[in-house]
Amino acid sequence: MTDPWYSDGLKFSCTQCGNCCGGAPGDVWLNEDEIAALAERLGLDDKTFRRKYTRKVGRRGISLVEKRNYDCIFFDKKRGCTVYEDRPLQCRTWPFWRSNLRDQEEWENEAQSC
């Protein structure tokens, strides 16, 4: 077995540009703990939070809703992520997703939009 192309490490520093928070349709998956944390952060009960900020996606699970321009519902162009401290794991782990680590070309392509 050979080492992955990134075995010497990867450097990434968030510029807080928000490019990963919208621009194209997508899903931001939530688990029950993330839903609870976001609801508490916003001062909402679980049911109200789910109705206002989530959508069911087939059998796959629960995703955040998006704005009409496909930005994350919690992204503000001036302030950035308005729930940053409680953002979902999917957001916390960007750009270190398997799809971006497939090969160096994918990594560099994603870096171009960041």
PDB file of N, CA and C in Angstrom:
ATOM      1  N   MET A   1       0.854  -1.182   0.000  1.00  0.00           N
ATOM      2  CA  MET A   1       0.000   0.000   0.000  1.00  0.00           C
ATOM      3  C   MET A   1       0.896   1.240   0.000  1.00  0.00           C
ATOM      4  N   THR A   2       0.584   2.169  -0.866  1.00  0.00           N
ATOM      5  CA  THR A   2       1.378   3.388  -0.950  1.00  0.00           C
ATOM      6  C   THR A   2       0.734   4.497  -0.119  1.00  0.00           C
ATOM      7  N   ASP A   3       1.557   5.427   0.294  1.00  0.00           N
ATOM      8  CA  ASP A   3       1.057   6.567   1.052  1.00  0.00           C
ATOM      9  C   ASP A   3       0.213   7.460   0.145  1.00  0.00           C
ATOM     10  N   PRO A   4      -0.805   8.114   0.698  1.00  0.00           N
ATOM     11  CA  PRO A   4      -1.594   9.032  -0.120  1.00  0.00           C
ATOM     12  C   PRO A   4      -0.745  10.228  -0.562  1.00  0.00           C
ATOM     13  N   TRP A   5      -1.174  10.905  -1.608  1.00  0.00           N
ATOM     14  CA  TRP A   5      -0.415  12.019  -2.163  1.00  0.00           C
ATOM     15  C   TRP A   5      -0.178  13.122  -1.135  1.00  0.00           C
ATOM     16  N   TYR A   6      -1.010  13.195  -0.108  1.00  0.00           N
ATOM     17  CA  TYR A   6      -0.906  14.244   0.906  1.00  0.00           C
ATOM     18  C   TYR A   6      -0.224  13.764   2.194  1.00  0.00           C
ATOM     19  N   SER A   7       0.521  12.676   2.113  1.00  0.00           N
ATOM     20  CA  SER A   7       1.114  12.087   3.318  1.00  0.00           C
ATOM     21  C   SER A   7       2.081  13.027   4.043  1.00  0.00           C
ATOM     22  N   ASP A   8       2.610  14.018   3.345  1.00  0.00           N
ATOM     23  CA  ASP A   8       3.487  14.990   4.002  1.00  0.00           C
ATOM     24  C   ASP A   8       2.706  16.132   4.646  1.00  0.00           C
ATOM     25  N   GLY A   9       1.388  16.059   4.558  1.00  0.00           N
ATOM     26  CA  GLY A   9       0.533  17.065   5.167  1.00  0.00           C
ATOM     27  C   GLY A   9      -0.044  18.031   4.150  1.00  0.00           C
ATOM     28  N   LEU A  10      -1.064  18.733   4.579  1.00  0.00           N
ATOM     29  CA  LEU A  10      -1.719  19.741   3.747  1.00  0.00           C
ATOM     30  C   LEU A  10      -1.817  21.028   4.541  1.00  0.00           C
ATOM     31  N   LYS A  11      -1.691  22.117   3.847  1.00  0.00           N
ATOM     32  CA  LYS A  11      -1.842  23.410   4.491  1.00  0.00           C
ATOM     33  C   LYS A  11      -3.142  24.046   4.018  1.00  0.00           C
ATOM     34  N   PHE A  12      -3.886  24.538   4.977  1.00  0.00           N
ATOM     35  CA  PHE A  12      -5.118  25.240   4.664  1.00  0.00           C
ATOM     36  C   PHE A  12      -5.353  26.272   5.748  1.00  0.00           C
ATOM     37  N   SER A  13      -5.677  27.460   5.343  1.00  0.00           N
ATOM     38  CA  SER A  13      -6.019  28.515   6.276  1.00  0.00           C
ATOM     39  C   SER A  13      -7.267  29.205   5.755  1.00  0.00           C
ATOM     40  N   CYS A  14      -8.307  29.180   6.525  1.00  0.00           N
ATOM     41  CA  CYS A  14      -9.583  29.752   6.097  1.00  0.00           C
ATOM     42  C   CYS A  14      -9.469  31.265   5.958  1.00  0.00           C
ATOM     43  N   THR A  15      -9.927  31.770   4.821  1.00  0.00           N
ATOM     44  CA  THR A  15      -9.929  33.217   4.583  1.00  0.00           C
ATOM     45  C   THR A  15     -11.281  33.829   4.921  1.00  0.00           C
ATOM     46  N   GLN A  16     -12.228  32.981   5.296  1.00  0.00           N
ATOM     47  CA  GLN A  16     -13.591  33.384   5.619  1.00  0.00           C
ATOM     48  C   GLN A  16     -14.261  34.116   4.458  1.00  0.00           C
ATOM     49  N   CYS A  17     -13.948  33.671   3.242  1.00  0.00           N
ATOM     50  CA  CYS A  17     -14.528  34.265   2.038  1.00  0.00           C
ATOM     51  C   CYS A  17     -15.978  33.836   1.842  1.00  0.00           C
ATOM     52  N   GLY A  18     -16.363  32.695   2.393  1.00  0.00           N
ATOM     53  CA  GLY A  18     -17.727  32.206   2.262  1.00  0.00           C
ATOM     54  C   GLY A  18     -18.000  31.431   0.992  1.00  0.00           C
ATOM     55  N   ASN A  19     -17.007  31.251   0.152  1.00  0.00           N
ATOM     56  CA  ASN A  19     -17.236  30.526  -1.098  1.00  0.00           C
ATOM     57  C   ASN A  19     -17.704  29.093  -0.862  1.00  0.00           C
ATOM     58  N   CYS A  20     -17.333  28.500   0.238  1.00  0.00           N
ATOM     59  CA  CYS A  20     -17.764  27.135   0.523  1.00  0.00           C
ATOM     60  C   CYS A  20     -19.167  27.105   1.140  1.00  0.00           C
ATOM     61  N   CYS A  21     -19.738  28.275   1.377  1.00  0.00           N
ATOM     62  CA  CYS A  21     -21.047  28.371   2.029  1.00  0.00           C
ATOM     63  C   CYS A  21     -22.185  28.613   1.052  1.00  0.00           C
ATOM     64  N   GLY A  22     -21.905  28.510  -0.222  1.00  0.00           N
ATOM     65  CA  GLY A  22     -22.980  28.716  -1.169  1.00  0.00           C
ATOM     66  C   GLY A  22     -22.496  28.773  -2.601  1.00  0.00           C
ATOM     67  N   GLY A  23     -23.371  29.288  -3.436  1.00  0.00           N
ATOM     68  CA  GLY A  23     -23.050  29.435  -4.843  1.00  0.00           C
ATOM     69  C   GLY A  23     -23.619  28.339  -5.714  1.00  0.00           C
ATOM     70  N   ALA A  24     -23.814  27.181  -5.156  1.00  0.00           N
ATOM     71  CA  ALA A  24     -24.368  26.057  -5.909  1.00  0.00           C
ATOM     72  C   ALA A  24     -25.282  25.269  -4.967  1.00  0.00           C
ATOM     73  N   PRO A  25     -26.301  24.629  -5.517  1.00  0.00           N
ATOM     74  CA  PRO A  25     -27.174  23.825  -4.659  1.00  0.00           C
ATOM     75  C   PRO A  25     -26.379  22.716  -3.963  1.00  0.00           C
ATOM     76  N   GLY A  26     -26.806  22.382  -2.786  1.00  0.00           N
ATOM     77  CA  GLY A  26     -26.132  21.311  -2.051  1.00  0.00           C
ATOM     78  C   GLY A  26     -26.854  20.987  -0.768  1.00  0.00           C
ATOM     79  N   ASP A  27     -26.297  20.068  -0.038  1.00  0.00           N
ATOM     80  CA  ASP A  27     -26.878  19.644   1.223  1.00  0.00           C
ATOM     81  C   ASP A  27     -25.867  19.834   2.334  1.00  0.00           C
ATOM     82  N   VAL A  28     -26.332  20.350   3.449  1.00  0.00           N
ATOM     83  CA  VAL A  28     -25.528  20.416   4.671  1.00  0.00           C
ATOM     84  C   VAL A  28     -26.239  19.510   5.662  1.00  0.00           C
ATOM     85  N   TRP A  29     -25.685  18.320   5.839  1.00  0.00           N
ATOM     86  CA  TRP A  29     -26.314  17.294   6.665  1.00  0.00           C
ATOM     87  C   TRP A  29     -26.183  17.625   8.138  1.00  0.00           C
ATOM     88  N   LEU A  30     -27.229  17.310   8.881  1.00  0.00           N
ATOM     89  CA  LEU A  30     -27.271  17.560  10.317  1.00  0.00           C
ATOM     90  C   LEU A  30     -27.600  16.279  11.066  1.00  0.00           C
ATOM     91  N   ASN A  31     -26.938  16.097  12.198  1.00  0.00           N
ATOM     92  CA  ASN A  31     -27.346  15.006  13.086  1.00  0.00           C
ATOM     93  C   ASN A  31     -28.159  15.602  14.237  1.00  0.00           C
ATOM     94  N   GLU A  32     -28.666  14.771  15.092  1.00  0.00           N
ATOM     95  CA  GLU A  32     -29.553  15.230  16.165  1.00  0.00           C
ATOM     96  C   GLU A  32     -28.851  16.201  17.118  1.00  0.00           C
ATOM     97  N   ASP A  33     -27.592  15.945  17.445  1.00  0.00           N
ATOM     98  CA  ASP A  33     -26.860  16.845  18.345  1.00  0.00           C
ATOM     99  C   ASP A  33     -26.664  18.221  17.715  1.00  0.00           C
ATOM    100  N   GLU A  34     -26.393  18.244  16.421  1.00  0.00           N
ATOM    101  CA  GLU A  34     -26.205  19.522  15.726  1.00  0.00           C
ATOM    102  C   GLU A  34     -27.510  20.304  15.665  1.00  0.00           C
ATOM    103  N   ILE A  35     -28.602  19.609  15.432  1.00  0.00           N
ATOM    104  CA  ILE A  35     -29.911  20.261  15.426  1.00  0.00           C
ATOM    105  C   ILE A  35     -30.191  20.872  16.795  1.00  0.00           C
ATOM    106  N   ALA A  36     -29.941  20.115  17.843  1.00  0.00           N
ATOM    107  CA  ALA A  36     -30.183  20.608  19.202  1.00  0.00           C
ATOM    108  C   ALA A  36     -29.319  21.830  19.510  1.00  0.00           C
ATOM    109  N   ALA A  37     -28.051  21.783  19.133  1.00  0.00           N
ATOM    110  CA  ALA A  37     -27.140  22.895  19.411  1.00  0.00           C
ATOM    111  C   ALA A  37     -27.553  24.157  18.653  1.00  0.00           C
ATOM    112  N   LEU A  38     -27.918  23.991  17.390  1.00  0.00           N
ATOM    113  CA  LEU A  38     -28.327  25.153  16.596  1.00  0.00           C
ATOM    114  C   LEU A  38     -29.647  25.728  17.107  1.00  0.00           C
ATOM    115  N   ALA A  39     -30.576  24.858  17.463  1.00  0.00           N
ATOM    116  CA  ALA A  39     -31.857  25.327  18.002  1.00  0.00           C
ATOM    117  C   ALA A  39     -31.629  26.113  19.292  1.00  0.00           C
ATOM    118  N   GLU A  40     -30.799  25.581  20.169  1.00  0.00           N
ATOM    119  CA  GLU A  40     -30.502  26.275  21.423  1.00  0.00           C
ATOM    120  C   GLU A  40     -29.826  27.616  21.150  1.00  0.00           C
ATOM    121  N   ARG A  41     -28.873  27.622  20.253  1.00  0.00           N
ATOM    122  CA  ARG A  41     -28.166  28.865  19.896  1.00  0.00           C
ATOM    123  C   ARG A  41     -29.141  29.952  19.444  1.00  0.00           C
ATOM    124  N   LEU A  42     -30.163  29.544  18.697  1.00  0.00           N
ATOM    125  CA  LEU A  42     -31.134  30.491  18.157  1.00  0.00           C
ATOM    126  C   LEU A  42     -32.320  30.727  19.095  1.00  0.00           C
ATOM    127  N   GLY A  43     -32.324  30.041  20.234  1.00  0.00           N
ATOM    128  CA  GLY A  43     -33.408  30.216  21.197  1.00  0.00           C
ATOM    129  C   GLY A  43     -34.726  29.637  20.736  1.00  0.00           C
ATOM    130  N   LEU A  44     -34.636  28.551  19.967  1.00  0.00           N
ATOM    131  CA  LEU A  44     -35.839  27.920  19.426  1.00  0.00           C
ATOM    132  C   LEU A  44     -36.007  26.517  19.985  1.00  0.00           C
ATOM    133  N   ASP A  45     -37.245  26.065  20.042  1.00  0.00           N
ATOM    134  CA  ASP A  45     -37.463  24.667  20.388  1.00  0.00           C
ATOM    135  C   ASP A  45     -37.165  23.827  19.142  1.00  0.00           C
ATOM    136  N   ASP A  46     -36.978  22.559  19.354  1.00  0.00           N
ATOM    137  CA  ASP A  46     -36.583  21.629  18.282  1.00  0.00           C
ATOM    138  C   ASP A  46     -37.544  21.686  17.095  1.00  0.00           C
ATOM    139  N   LYS A  47     -38.824  21.634  17.374  1.00  0.00           N
ATOM    140  CA  LYS A  47     -39.824  21.591  16.308  1.00  0.00           C
ATOM    141  C   LYS A  47     -39.800  22.870  15.457  1.00  0.00           C
ATOM    142  N   THR A  48     -39.694  24.002  16.104  1.00  0.00           N
ATOM    143  CA  THR A  48     -39.654  25.277  15.379  1.00  0.00           C
ATOM    144  C   THR A  48     -38.386  25.377  14.535  1.00  0.00           C
ATOM    145  N   PHE A  49     -37.267  24.984  15.111  1.00  0.00           N
ATOM    146  CA  PHE A  49     -36.009  25.017  14.350  1.00  0.00           C
ATOM    147  C   PHE A  49     -36.104  24.139  13.107  1.00  0.00           C
ATOM    148  N   ARG A  50     -36.578  22.932  13.282  1.00  0.00           N
ATOM    149  CA  ARG A  50     -36.687  22.012  12.141  1.00  0.00           C
ATOM    150  C   ARG A  50     -37.599  22.578  11.045  1.00  0.00           C
ATOM    151  N   ARG A  51     -38.717  23.139  11.452  1.00  0.00           N
ATOM    152  CA  ARG A  51     -39.670  23.672  10.476  1.00  0.00           C
ATOM    153  C   ARG A  51     -39.078  24.858   9.711  1.00  0.00           C
ATOM    154  N   LYS A  52     -38.332  25.700  10.391  1.00  0.00           N
ATOM    155  CA  LYS A  52     -37.820  26.928   9.788  1.00  0.00           C
ATOM    156  C   LYS A  52     -36.503  26.734   9.032  1.00  0.00           C
ATOM    157  N   TYR A  53     -35.632  25.849   9.513  1.00  0.00           N
ATOM    158  CA  TYR A  53     -34.269  25.788   8.993  1.00  0.00           C
ATOM    159  C   TYR A  53     -33.828  24.469   8.369  1.00  0.00           C
ATOM    160  N   THR A  54     -34.689  23.468   8.354  1.00  0.00           N
ATOM    161  CA  THR A  54     -34.259  22.177   7.808  1.00  0.00           C
ATOM    162  C   THR A  54     -35.242  21.652   6.776  1.00  0.00           C
ATOM    163  N   ARG A  55     -34.758  20.661   6.064  1.00  0.00           N
ATOM    164  CA  ARG A  55     -35.607  19.945   5.102  1.00  0.00           C
ATOM    165  C   ARG A  55     -35.179  18.490   5.108  1.00  0.00           C
ATOM    166  N   LYS A  56     -36.135  17.628   4.867  1.00  0.00           N
ATOM    167  CA  LYS A  56     -35.845  16.197   4.763  1.00  0.00           C
ATOM    168  C   LYS A  56     -35.447  15.919   3.327  1.00  0.00           C
ATOM    169  N   VAL A  57     -34.383  15.156   3.158  1.00  0.00           N
ATOM    170  CA  VAL A  57     -33.888  14.820   1.820  1.00  0.00           C
ATOM    171  C   VAL A  57     -34.022  13.314   1.642  1.00  0.00           C
ATOM    172  N   GLY A  58     -35.109  12.913   1.016  1.00  0.00           N
ATOM    173  CA  GLY A  58     -35.353  11.489   0.793  1.00  0.00           C
ATOM    174  C   GLY A  58     -35.163  10.688   2.062  1.00  0.00           C
ATOM    175  N   ARG A  59     -34.469   9.588   1.927  1.00  0.00           N
ATOM    176  CA  ARG A  59     -34.170   8.731   3.077  1.00  0.00           C
ATOM    177  C   ARG A  59     -32.816   9.055   3.684  1.00  0.00           C
ATOM    178  N   ARG A  60     -32.091   9.981   3.046  1.00  0.00           N
ATOM    179  CA  ARG A  60     -30.716  10.281   3.465  1.00  0.00           C
ATOM    180  C   ARG A  60     -30.639  11.000   4.781  1.00  0.00           C
ATOM    181  N   GLY A  61     -31.580  11.878   5.059  1.00  0.00           N
ATOM    182  CA  GLY A  61     -31.532  12.571   6.330  1.00  0.00           C
ATOM    183  C   GLY A  61     -32.027  13.997   6.277  1.00  0.00           C
ATOM    184  N   ILE A  62     -31.530  14.793   7.210  1.00  0.00           N
ATOM    185  CA  ILE A  62     -31.949  16.169   7.391  1.00  0.00           C
ATOM    186  C   ILE A  62     -30.827  17.099   6.931  1.00  0.00           C
ATOM    187  N   SER A  63     -31.193  18.098   6.142  1.00  0.00           N
ATOM    188  CA  SER A  63     -30.249  19.086   5.644  1.00  0.00           C
ATOM    189  C   SER A  63     -30.753  20.479   5.998  1.00  0.00           C
ATOM    190  N   LEU A  64     -29.818  21.420   6.113  1.00  0.00           N
ATOM    191  CA  LEU A  64     -30.212  22.816   6.258  1.00  0.00           C
ATOM    192  C   LEU A  64     -30.880  23.283   4.975  1.00  0.00           C
ATOM    193  N   VAL A  65     -31.810  24.189   5.092  1.00  0.00           N
ATOM    194  CA  VAL A  65     -32.391  24.821   3.907  1.00  0.00           C
ATOM    195  C   VAL A  65     -31.380  25.839   3.389  1.00  0.00           C
ATOM    196  N   GLU A  66     -31.592  26.269   2.147  1.00  0.00           N
ATOM    197  CA  GLU A  66     -30.717  27.261   1.540  1.00  0.00           C
ATOM    198  C   GLU A  66     -31.524  28.509   1.199  1.00  0.00           C
ATOM    199  N   LYS A  67     -30.811  29.597   1.031  1.00  0.00           N
ATOM    200  CA  LYS A  67     -31.441  30.811   0.519  1.00  0.00           C
ATOM    201  C   LYS A  67     -31.711  30.597  -0.968  1.00  0.00           C
ATOM    202  N   ARG A  68     -32.456  31.491  -1.574  1.00  0.00           N
ATOM    203  CA  ARG A  68     -32.788  31.367  -3.003  1.00  0.00           C
ATOM    204  C   ARG A  68     -31.547  31.334  -3.893  1.00  0.00           C
ATOM    205  N   ASN A  69     -30.476  31.998  -3.470  1.00  0.00           N
ATOM    206  CA  ASN A  69     -29.233  32.018  -4.264  1.00  0.00           C
ATOM    207  C   ASN A  69     -28.330  30.831  -3.927  1.00  0.00           C
ATOM    208  N   TYR A  70     -28.818  29.894  -3.147  1.00  0.00           N
ATOM    209  CA  TYR A  70     -28.144  28.673  -2.712  1.00  0.00           C
ATOM    210  C   TYR A  70     -27.113  28.884  -1.607  1.00  0.00           C
ATOM    211  N   ASP A  71     -26.988  30.085  -1.077  1.00  0.00           N
ATOM    212  CA  ASP A  71     -26.120  30.283   0.085  1.00  0.00           C
ATOM    213  C   ASP A  71     -26.745  29.573   1.281  1.00  0.00           C
ATOM    214  N   CYS A  72     -25.908  29.184   2.208  1.00  0.00           N
ATOM    215  CA  CYS A  72     -26.385  28.594   3.460  1.00  0.00           C
ATOM    216  C   CYS A  72     -27.305  29.584   4.155  1.00  0.00           C
ATOM    217  N   ILE A  73     -28.328  29.085   4.756  1.00  0.00           N
ATOM    218  CA  ILE A  73     -29.287  29.919   5.466  1.00  0.00           C
ATOM    219  C   ILE A  73     -28.626  30.736   6.573  1.00  0.00           C
ATOM    220  N   PHE A  74     -27.491  30.273   7.078  1.00  0.00           N
ATOM    221  CA  PHE A  74     -26.798  30.958   8.167  1.00  0.00           C
ATOM    222  C   PHE A  74     -25.588  31.775   7.713  1.00  0.00           C
ATOM    223  N   PHE A  75     -25.434  31.936   6.407  1.00  0.00           N
ATOM    224  CA  PHE A  75     -24.306  32.729   5.907  1.00  0.00           C
ATOM    225  C   PHE A  75     -24.763  34.143   5.575  1.00  0.00           C
ATOM    226  N   ASP A  76     -24.027  35.105   6.093  1.00  0.00           N
ATOM    227  CA  ASP A  76     -24.280  36.513   5.833  1.00  0.00           C
ATOM    228  C   ASP A  76     -23.036  37.083   5.160  1.00  0.00           C
ATOM    229  N   LYS A  77     -23.197  37.692   4.014  1.00  0.00           N
ATOM    230  CA  LYS A  77     -22.044  38.176   3.241  1.00  0.00           C
ATOM    231  C   LYS A  77     -21.179  39.165   4.015  1.00  0.00           C
ATOM    232  N   LYS A  78     -21.757  39.913   4.924  1.00  0.00           N
ATOM    233  CA  LYS A  78     -20.994  40.885   5.712  1.00  0.00           C
ATOM    234  C   LYS A  78     -20.402  40.284   6.983  1.00  0.00           C
ATOM    235  N   ARG A  79     -21.145  39.396   7.614  1.00  0.00           N
ATOM    236  CA  ARG A  79     -20.727  38.852   8.913  1.00  0.00           C
ATOM    237  C   ARG A  79     -20.156  37.444   8.840  1.00  0.00           C
ATOM    238  N   GLY A  80     -20.322  36.765   7.717  1.00  0.00           N
ATOM    239  CA  GLY A  80     -19.866  35.384   7.598  1.00  0.00           C
ATOM    240  C   GLY A  80     -20.882  34.430   8.207  1.00  0.00           C
ATOM    241  N   CYS A  81     -20.389  33.351   8.748  1.00  0.00           N
ATOM    242  CA  CYS A  81     -21.263  32.343   9.354  1.00  0.00           C
ATOM    243  C   CYS A  81     -21.817  32.871  10.667  1.00  0.00           C
ATOM    244  N   THR A  82     -23.126  32.955  10.741  1.00  0.00           N
ATOM    245  CA  THR A  82     -23.759  33.515  11.938  1.00  0.00           C
ATOM    246  C   THR A  82     -23.923  32.487  13.061  1.00  0.00           C
ATOM    247  N   VAL A  83     -23.579  31.234  12.780  1.00  0.00           N
ATOM    248  CA  VAL A  83     -23.639  30.184  13.806  1.00  0.00           C
ATOM    249  C   VAL A  83     -22.287  29.470  13.905  1.00  0.00           C
ATOM    250  N   TYR A  84     -21.229  30.178  13.614  1.00  0.00           N
ATOM    251  CA  TYR A  84     -19.903  29.591  13.453  1.00  0.00           C
ATOM    252  C   TYR A  84     -19.517  28.622  14.576  1.00  0.00           C
ATOM    253  N   GLU A  85     -19.718  29.006  15.812  1.00  0.00           N
ATOM    254  CA  GLU A  85     -19.305  28.153  16.937  1.00  0.00           C
ATOM    255  C   GLU A  85     -20.087  26.839  16.989  1.00  0.00           C
ATOM    256  N   ASP A  86     -21.270  26.810  16.411  1.00  0.00           N
ATOM    257  CA  ASP A  86     -22.105  25.609  16.415  1.00  0.00           C
ATOM    258  C   ASP A  86     -22.344  25.060  15.017  1.00  0.00           C
ATOM    259  N   ARG A  87     -21.486  25.432  14.059  1.00  0.00           N
ATOM    260  CA  ARG A  87     -21.672  24.960  12.682  1.00  0.00           C
ATOM    261  C   ARG A  87     -21.554  23.439  12.633  1.00  0.00           C
ATOM    262  N   PRO A  88     -22.246  22.822  11.703  1.00  0.00           N
ATOM    263  CA  PRO A  88     -22.223  21.358  11.597  1.00  0.00           C
ATOM    264  C   PRO A  88     -20.828  20.803  11.277  1.00  0.00           C
ATOM    265  N   LEU A  89     -20.633  19.537  11.584  1.00  0.00           N
ATOM    266  CA  LEU A  89     -19.367  18.861  11.318  1.00  0.00           C
ATOM    267  C   LEU A  89     -18.982  18.970   9.844  1.00  0.00           C
ATOM    268  N   GLN A  90     -19.952  18.876   8.971  1.00  0.00           N
ATOM    269  CA  GLN A  90     -19.680  18.985   7.537  1.00  0.00           C
ATOM    270  C   GLN A  90     -18.964  20.302   7.234  1.00  0.00           C
ATOM    271  N   CYS A  91     -19.376  21.371   7.874  1.00  0.00           N
ATOM    272  CA  CYS A  91     -18.740  22.681   7.664  1.00  0.00           C
ATOM    273  C   CYS A  91     -17.386  22.747   8.363  1.00  0.00           C
ATOM    274  N   ARG A  92     -17.306  22.161   9.546  1.00  0.00           N
ATOM    275  CA  ARG A  92     -16.050  22.182  10.312  1.00  0.00           C
ATOM    276  C   ARG A  92     -14.924  21.441   9.602  1.00  0.00           C
ATOM    277  N   THR A  93     -15.255  20.447   8.829  1.00  0.00           N
ATOM    278  CA  THR A  93     -14.220  19.623   8.204  1.00  0.00           C
ATOM    279  C   THR A  93     -13.835  20.064   6.797  1.00  0.00           C
ATOM    280  N   TRP A  94     -14.515  21.070   6.272  1.00  0.00           N
ATOM    281  CA  TRP A  94     -14.149  21.587   4.945  1.00  0.00           C
ATOM    282  C   TRP A  94     -12.745  22.174   5.012  1.00  0.00           C
ATOM    283  N   PRO A  95     -11.868  21.992   4.099  1.00  0.00           N
ATOM    284  CA  PRO A  95     -11.969  21.311   2.809  1.00  0.00           C
ATOM    285  C   PRO A  95     -11.448  19.871   2.838  1.00  0.00           C
ATOM    286  N   PHE A  96     -11.294  19.316   4.023  1.00  0.00           N
ATOM    287  CA  PHE A  96     -10.693  17.993   4.151  1.00  0.00           C
ATOM    288  C   PHE A  96     -11.710  16.870   3.943  1.00  0.00           C
ATOM    289  N   TRP A  97     -12.472  16.971   2.871  1.00  0.00           N
ATOM    290  CA  TRP A  97     -13.447  15.963   2.495  1.00  0.00           C
ATOM    291  C   TRP A  97     -12.790  14.968   1.561  1.00  0.00           C
ATOM    292  N   ARG A  98     -13.246  13.735   1.630  1.00  0.00           N
ATOM    293  CA  ARG A  98     -12.705  12.672   0.778  1.00  0.00           C
ATOM    294  C   ARG A  98     -12.683  13.077  -0.701  1.00  0.00           C
ATOM    295  N   SER A  99     -13.747  13.741  -1.165  1.00  0.00           N
ATOM    296  CA  SER A  99     -13.812  14.142  -2.575  1.00  0.00           C
ATOM    297  C   SER A  99     -12.714  15.142  -2.928  1.00  0.00           C
ATOM    298  N   ASN A 100     -12.323  15.976  -1.994  1.00  0.00           N
ATOM    299  CA  ASN A 100     -11.264  16.951  -2.254  1.00  0.00           C
ATOM    300  C   ASN A 100      -9.871  16.347  -2.103  1.00  0.00           C
ATOM    301  N   LEU A 101      -9.779  15.233  -1.415  1.00  0.00           N
ATOM    302  CA  LEU A 101      -8.485  14.594  -1.169  1.00  0.00           C
ATOM    303  C   LEU A 101      -8.198  13.455  -2.141  1.00  0.00           C
ATOM    304  N   ARG A 102      -9.114  13.234  -3.061  1.00  0.00           N
ATOM    305  CA  ARG A 102      -8.971  12.142  -4.027  1.00  0.00           C
ATOM    306  C   ARG A 102      -7.620  12.192  -4.731  1.00  0.00           C
ATOM    307  N   ASP A 103      -7.266  13.392  -5.181  1.00  0.00           N
ATOM    308  CA  ASP A 103      -5.951  13.578  -5.799  1.00  0.00           C
ATOM    309  C   ASP A 103      -5.573  15.053  -5.703  1.00  0.00           C
ATOM    310  N   GLN A 104      -4.338  15.335  -6.006  1.00  0.00           N
ATOM    311  CA  GLN A 104      -3.841  16.696  -5.855  1.00  0.00           C
ATOM    312  C   GLN A 104      -4.578  17.673  -6.774  1.00  0.00           C
ATOM    313  N   GLU A 105      -4.979  17.216  -7.924  1.00  0.00           N
ATOM    314  CA  GLU A 105      -5.711  18.076  -8.859  1.00  0.00           C
ATOM    315  C   GLU A 105      -7.042  18.533  -8.247  1.00  0.00           C
ATOM    316  N   GLU A 106      -7.761  17.610  -7.613  1.00  0.00           N
ATOM    317  CA  GLU A 106      -9.028  17.984  -6.961  1.00  0.00           C
ATOM    318  C   GLU A 106      -8.782  19.030  -5.863  1.00  0.00           C
ATOM    319  N   TRP A 107      -7.740  18.789  -5.056  1.00  0.00           N
ATOM    320  CA  TRP A 107      -7.391  19.713  -3.980  1.00  0.00           C
ATOM    321  C   TRP A 107      -7.108  21.109  -4.540  1.00  0.00           C
ATOM    322  N   GLU A 108      -6.329  21.148  -5.574  1.00  0.00           N
ATOM    323  CA  GLU A 108      -5.967  22.436  -6.187  1.00  0.00           C
ATOM    324  C   GLU A 108      -7.153  23.098  -6.868  1.00  0.00           C
ATOM    325  N   ASN A 109      -8.047  22.319  -7.451  1.00  0.00           N
ATOM    326  CA  ASN A 109      -9.255  22.883  -8.044  1.00  0.00           C
ATOM    327  C   ASN A 109     -10.117  23.567  -6.984  1.00  0.00           C
ATOM    328  N   GLU A 110     -10.265  22.913  -5.850  1.00  0.00           N
ATOM    329  CA  GLU A 110     -11.051  23.518  -4.762  1.00  0.00           C
ATOM    330  C   GLU A 110     -10.370  24.768  -4.231  1.00  0.00           C
ATOM    331  N   ALA A 111      -9.049  24.750  -4.166  1.00  0.00           N
ATOM    332  CA  ALA A 111      -8.306  25.915  -3.678  1.00  0.00           C
ATOM    333  C   ALA A 111      -8.531  27.127  -4.569  1.00  0.00           C
ATOM    334  N   GLN A 112      -8.796  26.901  -5.842  1.00  0.00           N
ATOM    335  CA  GLN A 112      -9.029  28.009  -6.773  1.00  0.00           C
ATOM    336  C   GLN A 112     -10.277  28.804  -6.420  1.00  0.00           C
ATOM    337  N   SER A 113     -11.253  28.154  -5.818  1.00  0.00           N
ATOM    338  CA  SER A 113     -12.503  28.851  -5.481  1.00  0.00           C
ATOM    339  C   SER A 113     -12.487  29.405  -4.060  1.00  0.00           C
ATOM    340  N   CYS A 114     -11.399  29.178  -3.372  1.00  0.00           N
ATOM    341  CA  CYS A 114     -11.320  29.602  -1.976  1.00  0.00           C
ATOM    342  C   CYS A 114     -10.578  30.914  -1.838  1.00  0.00           C
TER     343      CYS A 114
END
